Amino acid sequence: MAPLLLQLVGLCVALAAAALILISFVAFITATKMPRLHQHEEEKFFLNARGQKEPLPSLLDAPTKQLSVVVPSYHEETRLPVMMDEALSYLEKRQKQDPKFTYEVIVVDDGSKDQTSKVAFRYCQEYGSDKVRVITLVKNRGKGGAVRTGIFSSRGRKILMADADGATKFPDIEKLEKGLDDLQPWPDDMAIACGSRAHLEQDSIAQRSYFRTLLMYGFHFLVWFLCVKGIRDTQCGFKLFTREAAVRTFSALHIERWAFDVELLYIAQFFKIPIAEIAVNWTEIEGSKLVPFWSWVQMGKDLLFIRLRYMTGAWRLEHARKKK
């Protein structure tokens, strides 16, 4: 029996190795070697408060604002006003207290079929296009693609990505700013502060089904095992970047959908960009989009492919290193 058992074990190991080689090969040959940075012609402009087209700035330009807020939005005509009202109320109050503080809010409509762009544009008309801008993507690209589009059009020294549902209280940006400051001195002026819901995990587990809890733990394990160490909550949509960190990470980003946060932090850790994980207030908002089962499967595949594509050289980061 022992020789037969050893043969079976050997066969299983050989099959597993063959499967890994096959998956690695598929990951390599299907990889887009460089990030997709192409923009549709209509996505290179925004409408000012008078409805006239103006060209968008570039992330590579010198910053002219203290803070940019990028809000990816997909079918958010109902929830976006709540988030925008809170954010703009906070930002306007802060500007009155400190006239040197300047900001912009960039709403990126990710190819919505509802009135998301029109709802956002009302804020542009109320506050002016120097403070609120709306970018409408021609077709749905995914949250990562929408965030990257907004980041590339930002003018801020610091750039915040914030979800349109308003689940995170906007004044918590001050916690992220303190987290960034605590990381100083910043190497090459690069640092990232990630909002985190990890401290709320036990409460959220109590409200989830066993199946969704299992999926959550499985996802966390794959993130840790394959891509990112030391960050408990990679998926919170409340992250603050120095401009230099945004340039370095988003210029190398390939993933455009749910798992883009993981690749972003993988890139940041590769370049040894300091990262702070900061606990923030977070509440479940009515109408929040539950991640469907097949999206969990897609995320699992994306995590595996992130690891394999960087490991096999299909995706490379060396080209982005600072020249000495």
C-alpha atoms as a PDB file:
ATOM      1  CA  MET A   1       0.000   0.000   0.000  1.00  0.00           C
ATOM      2  CA  ALA A   2       2.826   2.395   0.865  1.00  0.00           C
ATOM      3  CA  PRO A   3       4.373   2.398  -2.647  1.00  0.00           C
ATOM      4  CA  LEU A   4       0.916   2.924  -4.181  1.00  0.00           C
ATOM      5  CA  LEU A   5       0.206   5.801  -1.800  1.00  0.00           C
ATOM      6  CA  LEU A   6       3.539   7.392  -2.651  1.00  0.00           C
ATOM      7  CA  GLN A   7       2.759   7.035  -6.343  1.00  0.00           C
ATOM      8  CA  LEU A   8      -0.610   8.745  -5.862  1.00  0.00           C
ATOM      9  CA  VAL A   9       0.988  11.577  -3.905  1.00  0.00           C
ATOM     10  CA  GLY A  10       3.634  11.944  -6.587  1.00  0.00           C
ATOM     11  CA  LEU A  11       0.968  12.010  -9.280  1.00  0.00           C
ATOM     12  CA  CYS A  12      -1.006  14.712  -7.427  1.00  0.00           C
ATOM     13  CA  VAL A  13       2.120  16.823  -7.010  1.00  0.00           C
ATOM     14  CA  ALA A  14       2.963  16.404 -10.698  1.00  0.00           C
ATOM     15  CA  LEU A  15      -0.570  17.362 -11.737  1.00  0.00           C
ATOM     16  CA  ALA A  16      -0.521  20.393  -9.442  1.00  0.00           C
ATOM     17  CA  ALA A  17       2.831  21.485 -10.861  1.00  0.00           C
ATOM     18  CA  ALA A  18       1.562  21.013 -14.421  1.00  0.00           C
ATOM     19  CA  ALA A  19      -1.578  23.013 -13.629  1.00  0.00           C
ATOM     20  CA  LEU A  20       0.506  25.839 -12.157  1.00  0.00           C
ATOM     21  CA  ILE A  21       2.762  25.879 -15.207  1.00  0.00           C
ATOM     22  CA  LEU A  22      -0.290  25.952 -17.494  1.00  0.00           C
ATOM     23  CA  ILE A  23      -1.939  28.772 -15.517  1.00  0.00           C
ATOM     24  CA  SER A  24       1.335  30.711 -15.502  1.00  0.00           C
ATOM     25  CA  PHE A  25       1.581  30.282 -19.271  1.00  0.00           C
ATOM     26  CA  VAL A  26      -2.010  31.478 -19.765  1.00  0.00           C
ATOM     27  CA  ALA A  27      -1.391  34.437 -17.433  1.00  0.00           C
ATOM     28  CA  PHE A  28       1.737  35.360 -19.391  1.00  0.00           C
ATOM     29  CA  ILE A  29       0.353  35.131 -22.927  1.00  0.00           C
ATOM     30  CA  THR A  30      -2.918  36.910 -22.084  1.00  0.00           C
ATOM     31  CA  ALA A  31      -1.219  39.802 -20.290  1.00  0.00           C
ATOM     32  CA  THR A  32      -1.352  43.316 -21.670  1.00  0.00           C
ATOM     33  CA  LYS A  33       2.309  44.192 -21.376  1.00  0.00           C
ATOM     34  CA  MET A  34       1.765  47.879 -20.561  1.00  0.00           C
ATOM     35  CA  PRO A  35      -1.070  49.527 -18.617  1.00  0.00           C
ATOM     36  CA  ARG A  36      -4.034  50.662 -20.714  1.00  0.00           C
ATOM     37  CA  LEU A  37      -3.654  54.429 -20.685  1.00  0.00           C
ATOM     38  CA  HIS A  38      -5.729  55.141 -23.790  1.00  0.00           C
ATOM     39  CA  GLN A  39      -8.507  57.701 -23.443  1.00  0.00           C
ATOM     40  CA  HIS A  40     -11.439  58.223 -25.754  1.00  0.00           C
ATOM     41  CA  GLU A  41     -11.309  61.686 -27.293  1.00  0.00           C
ATOM     42  CA  GLU A  42     -14.429  62.774 -25.344  1.00  0.00           C
ATOM     43  CA  GLU A  43     -12.731  61.795 -22.058  1.00  0.00           C
ATOM     44  CA  LYS A  44      -9.972  64.371 -22.516  1.00  0.00           C
ATOM     45  CA  PHE A  45     -12.331  67.241 -21.738  1.00  0.00           C
ATOM     46  CA  PHE A  46     -14.668  68.432 -19.003  1.00  0.00           C
ATOM     47  CA  LEU A  47     -17.554  70.870 -19.178  1.00  0.00           C
ATOM     48  CA  ASN A  48     -17.172  74.145 -17.327  1.00  0.00           C
ATOM     49  CA  ALA A  49     -20.110  75.680 -15.461  1.00  0.00           C
ATOM     50  CA  ARG A  50     -21.328  77.272 -18.714  1.00  0.00           C
ATOM     51  CA  GLY A  51     -21.354  73.906 -20.487  1.00  0.00           C
ATOM     52  CA  GLN A  52     -18.278  74.659 -22.615  1.00  0.00           C
ATOM     53  CA  LYS A  53     -15.563  72.073 -23.228  1.00  0.00           C
ATOM     54  CA  GLU A  54     -12.162  72.600 -21.609  1.00  0.00           C
ATOM     55  CA  PRO A  55      -9.141  70.283 -21.781  1.00  0.00           C
ATOM     56  CA  LEU A  56      -8.316  68.295 -18.671  1.00  0.00           C
ATOM     57  CA  PRO A  57      -4.962  68.856 -16.962  1.00  0.00           C
ATOM     58  CA  SER A  58      -2.363  66.112 -16.452  1.00  0.00           C
ATOM     59  CA  LEU A  59      -1.055  64.443 -13.318  1.00  0.00           C
ATOM     60  CA  LEU A  60       2.426  65.166 -14.683  1.00  0.00           C
ATOM     61  CA  ASP A  61       1.786  68.926 -14.524  1.00  0.00           C
ATOM     62  CA  ALA A  62       2.861  70.907 -11.453  1.00  0.00           C
ATOM     63  CA  PRO A  63       0.141  70.873  -8.754  1.00  0.00           C
ATOM     64  CA  THR A  64      -2.038  73.957  -8.382  1.00  0.00           C
ATOM     65  CA  LYS A  65      -4.366  72.744  -5.591  1.00  0.00           C
ATOM     66  CA  GLN A  66      -3.741  71.517  -2.071  1.00  0.00           C
ATOM     67  CA  LEU A  67      -6.190  68.626  -2.419  1.00  0.00           C
ATOM     68  CA  SER A  68      -7.923  66.708  -5.189  1.00  0.00           C
ATOM     69  CA  VAL A  69     -10.825  64.390  -4.381  1.00  0.00           C
ATOM     70  CA  VAL A  70     -11.575  61.700  -6.981  1.00  0.00           C
ATOM     71  CA  VAL A  71     -15.041  60.143  -6.769  1.00  0.00           C
ATOM     72  CA  PRO A  72     -15.638  57.102  -9.023  1.00  0.00           C
ATOM     73  CA  SER A  73     -19.361  56.806  -9.692  1.00  0.00           C
ATOM     74  CA  TYR A  74     -21.443  54.169 -11.418  1.00  0.00           C
ATOM     75  CA  HIS A  75     -25.242  54.472 -11.302  1.00  0.00           C
ATOM     76  CA  GLU A  76     -25.010  56.775  -8.274  1.00  0.00           C
ATOM     77  CA  GLU A  77     -27.663  59.405  -9.063  1.00  0.00           C
ATOM     78  CA  THR A  78     -29.418  58.665  -5.760  1.00  0.00           C
ATOM     79  CA  ARG A  79     -26.517  58.356  -3.321  1.00  0.00           C
ATOM     80  CA  LEU A  80     -24.041  60.807  -4.854  1.00  0.00           C
ATOM     81  CA  PRO A  81     -25.791  63.975  -3.565  1.00  0.00           C
ATOM     82  CA  VAL A  82     -25.478  62.842   0.056  1.00  0.00           C
ATOM     83  CA  MET A  83     -21.740  62.266  -0.351  1.00  0.00           C
ATOM     84  CA  MET A  84     -21.182  65.497  -2.316  1.00  0.00           C
ATOM     85  CA  ASP A  85     -23.145  67.604   0.177  1.00  0.00           C
ATOM     86  CA  GLU A  86     -21.072  66.303   3.079  1.00  0.00           C
ATOM     87  CA  ALA A  87     -17.755  66.584   1.230  1.00  0.00           C
ATOM     88  CA  LEU A  88     -18.307  70.076  -0.135  1.00  0.00           C
ATOM     89  CA  SER A  89     -19.680  71.355   3.166  1.00  0.00           C
ATOM     90  CA  TYR A  90     -16.507  70.147   4.886  1.00  0.00           C
ATOM     91  CA  LEU A  91     -14.173  71.480   2.169  1.00  0.00           C
ATOM     92  CA  GLU A  92     -15.852  74.892   2.015  1.00  0.00           C
ATOM     93  CA  LYS A  93     -15.726  75.239   5.817  1.00  0.00           C
ATOM     94  CA  ARG A  94     -12.066  74.282   5.803  1.00  0.00           C
ATOM     95  CA  GLN A  95     -11.299  76.828   3.088  1.00  0.00           C
ATOM     96  CA  LYS A  96     -13.040  79.593   5.066  1.00  0.00           C
ATOM     97  CA  GLN A  97     -10.926  78.718   8.102  1.00  0.00           C
ATOM     98  CA  ASP A  98      -7.757  78.603   6.010  1.00  0.00           C
ATOM     99  CA  PRO A  99      -7.910  80.705   2.807  1.00  0.00           C
ATOM    100  CA  LYS A 100      -4.643  79.113   1.633  1.00  0.00           C
ATOM    101  CA  PHE A 101      -6.396  75.737   1.440  1.00  0.00           C
ATOM    102  CA  THR A 102      -7.530  74.982  -2.121  1.00  0.00           C
ATOM    103  CA  TYR A 103      -9.352  71.927  -3.423  1.00  0.00           C
ATOM    104  CA  GLU A 104     -11.152  70.284  -6.313  1.00  0.00           C
ATOM    105  CA  VAL A 105     -13.632  67.413  -6.496  1.00  0.00           C
ATOM    106  CA  ILE A 106     -13.519  65.263  -9.634  1.00  0.00           C
ATOM    107  CA  VAL A 107     -16.537  63.025 -10.205  1.00  0.00           C
ATOM    108  CA  VAL A 108     -15.813  60.288 -12.737  1.00  0.00           C
ATOM    109  CA  ASP A 109     -18.997  58.803 -14.175  1.00  0.00           C
ATOM    110  CA  ASP A 110     -17.992  55.268 -15.154  1.00  0.00           C
ATOM    111  CA  GLY A 111     -20.334  54.925 -18.129  1.00  0.00           C
ATOM    112  CA  SER A 112     -23.556  55.113 -16.107  1.00  0.00           C
ATOM    113  CA  LYS A 113     -26.924  54.677 -17.823  1.00  0.00           C
ATOM    114  CA  ASP A 114     -28.733  56.831 -15.257  1.00  0.00           C
ATOM    115  CA  GLN A 115     -28.435  60.562 -14.447  1.00  0.00           C
ATOM    116  CA  THR A 116     -25.162  60.381 -12.496  1.00  0.00           C
ATOM    117  CA  SER A 117     -23.351  62.908 -14.722  1.00  0.00           C
ATOM    118  CA  LYS A 118     -26.265  65.368 -14.663  1.00  0.00           C
ATOM    119  CA  VAL A 119     -26.547  65.152 -10.884  1.00  0.00           C
ATOM    120  CA  ALA A 120     -22.799  65.748 -10.516  1.00  0.00           C
ATOM    121  CA  PHE A 121     -22.834  68.624 -13.006  1.00  0.00           C
ATOM    122  CA  ARG A 122     -25.302  70.540 -10.852  1.00  0.00           C
ATOM    123  CA  TYR A 123     -22.537  70.847  -8.260  1.00  0.00           C
ATOM    124  CA  CYS A 124     -20.213  72.129 -10.969  1.00  0.00           C
ATOM    125  CA  GLN A 125     -22.764  74.825 -11.760  1.00  0.00           C
ATOM    126  CA  GLU A 126     -23.211  75.688  -8.079  1.00  0.00           C
ATOM    127  CA  TYR A 127     -19.559  75.729  -6.999  1.00  0.00           C
ATOM    128  CA  GLY A 128     -17.825  76.431 -10.319  1.00  0.00           C
ATOM    129  CA  SER A 129     -15.712  74.175 -12.504  1.00  0.00           C
ATOM    130  CA  ASP A 130     -12.515  75.164 -10.694  1.00  0.00           C
ATOM    131  CA  LYS A 131     -13.849  73.312  -7.652  1.00  0.00           C
ATOM    132  CA  VAL A 132     -16.062  70.589  -9.149  1.00  0.00           C
ATOM    133  CA  ARG A 133     -15.424  68.788 -12.410  1.00  0.00           C
ATOM    134  CA  VAL A 134     -17.258  65.897 -14.028  1.00  0.00           C
ATOM    135  CA  ILE A 135     -15.576  63.392 -16.341  1.00  0.00           C
ATOM    136  CA  THR A 136     -17.965  61.065 -18.167  1.00  0.00           C
ATOM    137  CA  LEU A 137     -16.443  57.861 -19.494  1.00  0.00           C
ATOM    138  CA  VAL A 138     -17.798  56.689 -22.839  1.00  0.00           C
ATOM    139  CA  LYS A 139     -18.237  53.141 -21.558  1.00  0.00           C
ATOM    140  CA  ASN A 140     -17.978  51.341 -18.250  1.00  0.00           C
ATOM    141  CA  ARG A 141     -14.347  50.636 -17.442  1.00  0.00           C
ATOM    142  CA  GLY A 142     -14.511  49.442 -13.861  1.00  0.00           C
ATOM    143  CA  LYS A 143     -13.810  51.242 -10.596  1.00  0.00           C
ATOM    144  CA  GLY A 144     -10.038  51.054 -11.044  1.00  0.00           C
ATOM    145  CA  GLY A 145     -10.264  52.544 -14.521  1.00  0.00           C
ATOM    146  CA  ALA A 146     -12.527  55.348 -13.292  1.00  0.00           C
ATOM    147  CA  VAL A 147     -10.266  56.174 -10.353  1.00  0.00           C
ATOM    148  CA  ARG A 148      -7.181  56.210 -12.562  1.00  0.00           C
ATOM    149  CA  THR A 149      -8.878  58.562 -15.050  1.00  0.00           C
ATOM    150  CA  GLY A 150      -9.661  60.992 -12.240  1.00  0.00           C
ATOM    151  CA  ILE A 151      -6.185  60.677 -10.728  1.00  0.00           C
ATOM    152  CA  PHE A 152      -4.540  61.438 -14.076  1.00  0.00           C
ATOM    153  CA  SER A 153      -6.613  64.639 -14.325  1.00  0.00           C
ATOM    154  CA  SER A 154      -5.899  65.847 -10.777  1.00  0.00           C
ATOM    155  CA  ARG A 155      -4.242  69.095  -9.779  1.00  0.00           C
ATOM    156  CA  GLY A 156      -3.690  68.432  -6.061  1.00  0.00           C
ATOM    157  CA  ARG A 157      -0.501  68.022  -4.055  1.00  0.00           C
ATOM    158  CA  LYS A 158      -2.445  65.331  -2.223  1.00  0.00           C
ATOM    159  CA  ILE A 159      -5.097  63.179  -3.896  1.00  0.00           C
ATOM    160  CA  LEU A 160      -7.935  61.397  -2.124  1.00  0.00           C
ATOM    161  CA  MET A 161     -10.046  58.658  -3.672  1.00  0.00           C
ATOM    162  CA  ALA A 162     -13.465  58.466  -2.021  1.00  0.00           C
ATOM    163  CA  ASP A 163     -16.484  56.287  -2.803  1.00  0.00           C
ATOM    164  CA  ALA A 164     -19.656  57.927  -4.065  1.00  0.00           C
ATOM    165  CA  ASP A 165     -21.869  56.196  -1.507  1.00  0.00           C
ATOM    166  CA  GLY A 166     -20.504  58.256   1.389  1.00  0.00           C
ATOM    167  CA  ALA A 167     -19.984  55.170   3.568  1.00  0.00           C
ATOM    168  CA  THR A 168     -16.855  56.767   5.056  1.00  0.00           C
ATOM    169  CA  LYS A 169     -17.365  60.058   6.877  1.00  0.00           C
ATOM    170  CA  PHE A 170     -15.552  62.687   4.860  1.00  0.00           C
ATOM    171  CA  PRO A 171     -13.983  64.558   7.824  1.00  0.00           C
ATOM    172  CA  ASP A 172     -11.970  61.364   8.431  1.00  0.00           C
ATOM    173  CA  ILE A 173      -9.645  62.721   5.766  1.00  0.00           C
ATOM    174  CA  GLU A 174      -7.937  64.483   8.673  1.00  0.00           C
ATOM    175  CA  LYS A 175      -7.039  61.069  10.103  1.00  0.00           C
ATOM    176  CA  LEU A 176      -5.481  60.098   6.780  1.00  0.00           C
ATOM    177  CA  GLU A 177      -3.588  63.383   6.589  1.00  0.00           C
ATOM    178  CA  LYS A 178      -2.165  62.768  10.065  1.00  0.00           C
ATOM    179  CA  GLY A 179      -1.276  59.233   8.977  1.00  0.00           C
ATOM    180  CA  LEU A 180       0.660  60.660   6.024  1.00  0.00           C
ATOM    181  CA  ASP A 181       2.425  63.194   8.237  1.00  0.00           C
ATOM    182  CA  ASP A 182       3.449  60.453  10.672  1.00  0.00           C
ATOM    183  CA  LEU A 183       5.236  58.650   7.818  1.00  0.00           C
ATOM    184  CA  GLN A 184       7.617  61.558   7.184  1.00  0.00           C
ATOM    185  CA  PRO A 185      10.266  61.878   5.928  1.00  0.00           C
ATOM    186  CA  TRP A 186       8.704  60.646   2.689  1.00  0.00           C
ATOM    187  CA  PRO A 187      11.155  58.960   0.292  1.00  0.00           C
ATOM    188  CA  ASP A 188      11.006  60.881  -3.003  1.00  0.00           C
ATOM    189  CA  ASP A 189       7.927  62.683  -1.567  1.00  0.00           C
ATOM    190  CA  MET A 190       5.918  59.447  -1.806  1.00  0.00           C
ATOM    191  CA  ALA A 191       3.502  58.158   0.835  1.00  0.00           C
ATOM    192  CA  ILE A 192       0.025  56.602   1.028  1.00  0.00           C
ATOM    193  CA  ALA A 193      -2.582  56.518   3.807  1.00  0.00           C
ATOM    194  CA  CYS A 194      -5.277  53.844   3.485  1.00  0.00           C
ATOM    195  CA  GLY A 195      -8.562  54.058   5.294  1.00  0.00           C
ATOM    196  CA  SER A 196      -9.360  50.769   7.026  1.00  0.00           C
ATOM    197  CA  ARG A 197     -12.501  48.977   8.217  1.00  0.00           C
ATOM    198  CA  ALA A 198     -10.565  46.095   9.770  1.00  0.00           C
ATOM    199  CA  HIS A 199     -11.519  47.226  13.285  1.00  0.00           C
ATOM    200  CA  LEU A 200     -15.186  46.714  12.323  1.00  0.00           C
ATOM    201  CA  GLU A 201     -14.685  43.206  10.975  1.00  0.00           C
ATOM    202  CA  GLN A 202     -16.253  41.299  13.882  1.00  0.00           C
ATOM    203  CA  ASP A 203     -19.427  43.370  13.704  1.00  0.00           C
ATOM    204  CA  SER A 204     -19.686  42.878   9.947  1.00  0.00           C
ATOM    205  CA  ILE A 205     -19.187  39.108  10.288  1.00  0.00           C
ATOM    206  CA  ALA A 206     -22.190  38.940  12.620  1.00  0.00           C
ATOM    207  CA  GLN A 207     -24.358  40.409   9.846  1.00  0.00           C
ATOM    208  CA  ARG A 208     -23.023  38.233   7.009  1.00  0.00           C
ATOM    209  CA  SER A 209     -23.973  34.737   5.940  1.00  0.00           C
ATOM    210  CA  TYR A 210     -21.445  31.968   6.606  1.00  0.00           C
ATOM    211  CA  PHE A 211     -20.861  31.679   2.869  1.00  0.00           C
ATOM    212  CA  ARG A 212     -20.010  35.371   2.431  1.00  0.00           C
ATOM    213  CA  THR A 213     -17.820  35.265   5.538  1.00  0.00           C
ATOM    214  CA  LEU A 214     -15.950  32.306   4.035  1.00  0.00           C
ATOM    215  CA  LEU A 215     -15.484  34.233   0.775  1.00  0.00           C
ATOM    216  CA  MET A 216     -14.195  37.248   2.719  1.00  0.00           C
ATOM    217  CA  TYR A 217     -11.644  35.209   4.661  1.00  0.00           C
ATOM    218  CA  GLY A 218     -10.610  33.407   1.482  1.00  0.00           C
ATOM    219  CA  PHE A 219     -10.051  36.745  -0.263  1.00  0.00           C
ATOM    220  CA  HIS A 220      -8.018  38.112   2.676  1.00  0.00           C
ATOM    221  CA  PHE A 221      -5.859  34.986   2.659  1.00  0.00           C
ATOM    222  CA  LEU A 222      -5.185  35.215  -1.078  1.00  0.00           C
ATOM    223  CA  VAL A 223      -4.314  38.910  -0.778  1.00  0.00           C
ATOM    224  CA  TRP A 224      -1.825  38.131   2.001  1.00  0.00           C
ATOM    225  CA  PHE A 225      -0.437  34.964   0.409  1.00  0.00           C
ATOM    226  CA  LEU A 226      -0.085  36.259  -3.155  1.00  0.00           C
ATOM    227  CA  CYS A 227       0.243  40.031  -3.186  1.00  0.00           C
ATOM    228  CA  VAL A 228       0.162  42.374  -0.189  1.00  0.00           C
ATOM    229  CA  LYS A 229       1.557  41.879   3.309  1.00  0.00           C
ATOM    230  CA  GLY A 230       0.772  43.987   6.339  1.00  0.00           C
ATOM    231  CA  ILE A 231      -2.438  45.705   5.136  1.00  0.00           C
ATOM    232  CA  ARG A 232      -5.558  44.223   6.731  1.00  0.00           C
ATOM    233  CA  ASP A 233      -8.106  46.074   4.572  1.00  0.00           C
ATOM    234  CA  THR A 234      -6.947  46.628   1.002  1.00  0.00           C
ATOM    235  CA  GLN A 235     -10.428  47.332  -0.380  1.00  0.00           C
ATOM    236  CA  CYS A 236     -11.579  50.401   1.556  1.00  0.00           C
ATOM    237  CA  GLY A 237     -12.317  53.093  -1.036  1.00  0.00           C
ATOM    238  CA  PHE A 238     -10.848  55.914   1.075  1.00  0.00           C
ATOM    239  CA  LYS A 239      -7.162  56.361   0.263  1.00  0.00           C
ATOM    240  CA  LEU A 240      -4.908  59.429   0.310  1.00  0.00           C
ATOM    241  CA  PHE A 241      -1.806  59.757  -1.869  1.00  0.00           C
ATOM    242  CA  THR A 242       0.932  62.276  -2.228  1.00  0.00           C
ATOM    243  CA  ARG A 243       1.050  63.400  -5.842  1.00  0.00           C
ATOM    244  CA  GLU A 244       4.360  61.625  -6.400  1.00  0.00           C
ATOM    245  CA  ALA A 245       2.993  58.342  -5.001  1.00  0.00           C
ATOM    246  CA  ALA A 246      -0.048  58.618  -7.285  1.00  0.00           C
ATOM    247  CA  VAL A 247       2.183  59.101 -10.329  1.00  0.00           C
ATOM    248  CA  ARG A 248       4.347  56.119  -9.450  1.00  0.00           C
ATOM    249  CA  THR A 249       1.554  53.673  -8.653  1.00  0.00           C
ATOM    250  CA  PHE A 250      -1.239  54.581 -11.070  1.00  0.00           C
ATOM    251  CA  SER A 251       1.144  54.844 -14.036  1.00  0.00           C
ATOM    252  CA  ALA A 252       1.967  51.158 -13.561  1.00  0.00           C
ATOM    253  CA  LEU A 253      -1.574  49.929 -12.775  1.00  0.00           C
ATOM    254  CA  HIS A 254      -3.079  47.245 -15.050  1.00  0.00           C
ATOM    255  CA  ILE A 255      -6.176  45.999 -13.187  1.00  0.00           C
ATOM    256  CA  GLU A 256      -9.262  48.153 -13.781  1.00  0.00           C
ATOM    257  CA  ARG A 257     -11.953  46.374 -11.784  1.00  0.00           C
ATOM    258  CA  TRP A 258     -12.514  45.186  -8.203  1.00  0.00           C
ATOM    259  CA  ALA A 259      -8.974  43.968  -7.468  1.00  0.00           C
ATOM    260  CA  PHE A 260      -7.231  47.170  -8.591  1.00  0.00           C
ATOM    261  CA  ASP A 261      -6.588  48.233  -4.958  1.00  0.00           C
ATOM    262  CA  VAL A 262      -4.519  45.093  -4.424  1.00  0.00           C
ATOM    263  CA  GLU A 263      -2.310  45.669  -7.459  1.00  0.00           C
ATOM    264  CA  LEU A 264      -1.960  49.317  -6.460  1.00  0.00           C
ATOM    265  CA  LEU A 265      -0.648  48.371  -3.010  1.00  0.00           C
ATOM    266  CA  TYR A 266       1.501  45.596  -4.520  1.00  0.00           C
ATOM    267  CA  ILE A 267       3.155  48.247  -6.702  1.00  0.00           C
ATOM    268  CA  ALA A 268       3.553  50.590  -3.719  1.00  0.00           C
ATOM    269  CA  GLN A 269       5.224  47.887  -1.630  1.00  0.00           C
ATOM    270  CA  PHE A 270       7.503  46.958  -4.542  1.00  0.00           C
ATOM    271  CA  PHE A 271       8.758  50.548  -4.658  1.00  0.00           C
ATOM    272  CA  LYS A 272       8.930  50.665  -0.841  1.00  0.00           C
ATOM    273  CA  ILE A 273       6.469  53.547  -0.667  1.00  0.00           C
ATOM    274  CA  PRO A 274       5.525  53.963   3.027  1.00  0.00           C
ATOM    275  CA  ILE A 275       1.894  53.054   3.707  1.00  0.00           C
ATOM    276  CA  ALA A 276      -0.188  53.889   6.781  1.00  0.00           C
ATOM    277  CA  GLU A 277      -3.384  51.964   7.523  1.00  0.00           C
ATOM    278  CA  ILE A 278      -5.795  54.207   9.415  1.00  0.00           C
ATOM    279  CA  ALA A 279      -9.065  53.175  11.058  1.00  0.00           C
ATOM    280  CA  VAL A 280     -11.986  55.231   9.739  1.00  0.00           C
ATOM    281  CA  ASN A 281     -15.686  55.498  10.491  1.00  0.00           C
ATOM    282  CA  TRP A 282     -17.691  53.415   8.051  1.00  0.00           C
ATOM    283  CA  THR A 283     -21.395  52.657   7.792  1.00  0.00           C
ATOM    284  CA  GLU A 284     -23.375  50.420   5.469  1.00  0.00           C
ATOM    285  CA  ILE A 285     -25.300  52.667   3.096  1.00  0.00           C
ATOM    286  CA  GLU A 286     -28.684  51.632   1.742  1.00  0.00           C
ATOM    287  CA  GLY A 287     -28.322  50.539  -1.853  1.00  0.00           C
ATOM    288  CA  SER A 288     -24.693  49.447  -1.472  1.00  0.00           C
ATOM    289  CA  LYS A 289     -23.714  47.047  -4.199  1.00  0.00           C
ATOM    290  CA  LEU A 290     -22.995  43.580  -2.834  1.00  0.00           C
ATOM    291  CA  VAL A 291     -20.155  41.899  -4.648  1.00  0.00           C
ATOM    292  CA  PRO A 292     -21.763  39.011  -6.587  1.00  0.00           C
ATOM    293  CA  PHE A 293     -20.299  35.515  -6.338  1.00  0.00           C
ATOM    294  CA  TRP A 294     -18.788  35.571  -9.823  1.00  0.00           C
ATOM    295  CA  SER A 295     -17.048  38.847  -8.993  1.00  0.00           C
ATOM    296  CA  TRP A 296     -15.394  37.077  -6.052  1.00  0.00           C
ATOM    297  CA  VAL A 297     -14.222  34.428  -8.510  1.00  0.00           C
ATOM    298  CA  GLN A 298     -12.952  37.158 -10.844  1.00  0.00           C
ATOM    299  CA  MET A 299     -11.096  38.818  -7.972  1.00  0.00           C
ATOM    300  CA  GLY A 300      -9.501  35.517  -7.005  1.00  0.00           C
ATOM    301  CA  LYS A 301      -8.350  35.033 -10.580  1.00  0.00           C
ATOM    302  CA  ASP A 302      -7.056  38.609 -10.713  1.00  0.00           C
ATOM    303  CA  LEU A 303      -5.045  38.103  -7.515  1.00  0.00           C
ATOM    304  CA  LEU A 304      -3.440  34.948  -8.882  1.00  0.00           C
ATOM    305  CA  PHE A 305      -2.716  36.608 -12.217  1.00  0.00           C
ATOM    306  CA  ILE A 306      -1.231  39.706 -10.538  1.00  0.00           C
ATOM    307  CA  ARG A 307       1.281  37.473  -8.791  1.00  0.00           C
ATOM    308  CA  LEU A 308       2.020  35.274 -11.791  1.00  0.00           C
ATOM    309  CA  ARG A 309       2.314  38.110 -14.303  1.00  0.00           C
ATOM    310  CA  TYR A 310       4.798  40.027 -12.202  1.00  0.00           C
ATOM    311  CA  MET A 311       6.637  36.833 -11.291  1.00  0.00           C
ATOM    312  CA  THR A 312       6.970  35.688 -14.928  1.00  0.00           C
ATOM    313  CA  GLY A 313       7.907  39.162 -16.183  1.00  0.00           C
ATOM    314  CA  ALA A 314       4.749  39.674 -18.256  1.00  0.00           C
ATOM    315  CA  TRP A 315       4.303  42.831 -16.182  1.00  0.00           C
ATOM    316  CA  ARG A 316       7.412  44.751 -15.135  1.00  0.00           C
ATOM    317  CA  LEU A 317       7.968  47.552 -12.667  1.00  0.00           C
ATOM    318  CA  GLU A 318      11.684  48.206 -13.099  1.00  0.00           C
ATOM    319  CA  HIS A 319      11.058  50.790 -15.836  1.00  0.00           C
ATOM    320  CA  ALA A 320       9.378  53.073 -13.282  1.00  0.00           C
ATOM    321  CA  ARG A 321      12.306  53.152 -10.864  1.00  0.00           C
ATOM    322  CA  LYS A 322      13.939  56.489 -10.302  1.00  0.00           C
ATOM    323  CA  LYS A 323      17.182  56.860 -12.211  1.00  0.00           C
ATOM    324  CA  LYS A 324      20.211  57.541 -10.065  1.00  0.00           C
END
